[in-house]
Protein backbone atom coordinates (compact mmCIF):
# COMPACT_ATOMS: atom_id res chain seq x y z
CA MET A 1 0.00 0.00 0.00
CA THR A 2 1.33 3.45 -0.86
CA LEU A 3 1.36 6.49 1.37
CA ALA A 4 -1.17 8.15 -0.94
CA SER A 5 -3.66 5.26 -0.88
CA THR A 6 -3.34 4.81 2.87
CA LEU A 7 -3.88 8.50 3.69
CA CYS A 8 -6.77 8.77 1.20
CA GLY A 9 -8.41 5.72 2.78
CA LEU A 10 -7.99 7.16 6.27
CA LEU A 11 -9.38 10.54 5.17
CA THR A 12 -12.41 8.81 3.62
CA LYS A 13 -13.02 6.77 6.76
CA ALA A 14 -12.67 9.90 8.95
CA ALA A 15 -15.28 11.67 6.80
CA GLN A 16 -17.66 8.70 6.98
CA THR A 17 -17.37 8.05 10.71
CA GLY A 18 -16.72 11.56 12.01
CA HIS A 19 -13.80 10.21 14.07
CA THR A 20 -10.09 10.75 13.66
CA GLN A 21 -8.16 7.83 12.19
CA PRO A 22 -4.71 7.01 13.60
CA TRP A 23 -1.88 5.44 11.62
CA ARG A 24 1.80 4.70 12.23
CA LEU A 25 4.40 4.43 9.51
CA PRO A 26 7.08 1.75 9.88
CA GLN A 27 9.77 4.42 10.49
CA GLY A 28 7.89 5.77 13.54
CA LEU A 29 6.02 8.72 12.07
CA GLN A 30 2.52 8.86 13.52
CA VAL A 31 -0.42 10.46 11.78
CA ARG A 32 -3.95 11.18 12.94
CA VAL A 33 -6.30 12.00 10.06
CA ALA A 34 -9.46 14.08 10.48
CA ALA A 35 -12.08 15.43 8.10
CA ARG A 36 -14.13 18.63 8.03
CA PRO A 37 -11.76 20.40 7.69
CA ALA A 38 -9.36 17.89 6.19
CA ARG A 39 -6.26 17.85 8.37
CA LEU A 40 -3.42 15.70 9.56
CA CYS A 41 -1.75 15.69 12.94
CA VAL A 42 1.83 14.42 12.54
CA TRP A 43 4.39 13.57 15.25
CA ARG A 44 7.13 11.21 16.35
CA GLU A 45 7.49 9.59 19.77
CA ALA A 46 11.22 8.87 19.35
CA GLY A 47 14.05 10.70 17.67
CA VAL A 48 14.36 14.36 16.87
CA TRP A 49 11.00 16.03 16.36
CA THR A 50 11.05 19.79 16.71
CA PRO A 51 9.69 22.66 14.65
CA GLY A 52 11.91 23.09 11.64
CA GLU A 53 12.64 22.05 8.10
CA ALA A 54 13.13 18.31 8.69
CA ALA A 55 9.84 17.82 10.56
CA GLU A 56 7.91 20.10 8.22
CA ARG A 57 9.20 18.11 5.24
CA GLU A 58 7.20 15.17 6.66
CA GLY A 59 4.07 17.34 6.60
CA HIS A 60 4.77 18.46 3.01
CA THR A 61 5.24 14.82 1.97
CA CYS A 62 1.91 13.76 3.48
CA ALA A 63 0.06 16.72 1.94
CA GLY A 64 1.63 15.99 -1.44
CA ALA A 65 0.61 12.33 -1.20
CA LEU A 66 -2.99 13.48 -0.73
CA GLY A 67 -2.70 15.77 -3.74
CA TRP A 68 -3.17 18.89 -1.61
CA SER A 69 -1.67 21.89 -3.38
CA ASP A 70 -2.96 24.47 -0.91
CA TYR A 71 -2.45 23.68 2.77
CA LEU A 72 -1.19 25.25 5.98
CA LEU A 73 1.39 23.94 8.44
CA SER A 74 1.15 24.94 12.09
CA TRP A 75 2.61 23.67 15.34
CA GLN A 76 0.57 22.89 18.44
CA GLY A 77 3.03 21.76 21.09
CA ARG A 78 4.85 18.76 19.66
CA TYR A 79 2.28 18.18 16.93
CA LEU A 80 2.59 19.40 13.36
CA ILE A 81 -0.88 20.16 11.99
CA VAL A 82 -1.35 20.06 8.23
CA THR A 83 -4.69 21.57 7.18
CA GLN A 84 -6.04 21.60 3.66
CA VAL A 85 -7.19 25.03 2.55
CA GLU A 86 -10.58 24.70 0.95
CA PRO A 87 -10.96 26.51 -2.36
CA LEU A 88 -13.32 29.46 -2.20
CA LEU A 89 -16.55 28.96 -4.07
CA GLU A 90 -16.95 31.46 -6.81
CA ALA A 91 -20.19 33.36 -6.88
CA GLN A 92 -22.22 32.38 -9.89
CA ALA A 93 -23.57 35.22 -11.95
């Protein structure tokens, strides 16, 4: 299973159930997927995990796997939050 298919499946399940969906990659990265708004909570229990380029690269990788081109990264304590920015609906004339 690829990162993209796994995250897409978790996002779908989160949207259907209304509950966050946890997942752990083999290298120790942990992800909690939520819907409405679509967002990921990313962290590591072991190793270096601090705000900065290396940790944020993990967030960019996950967002890219989901096909998100417009998203925000923010830190809440030790958690990196990746939130998809919803496109604005254009007013129809």
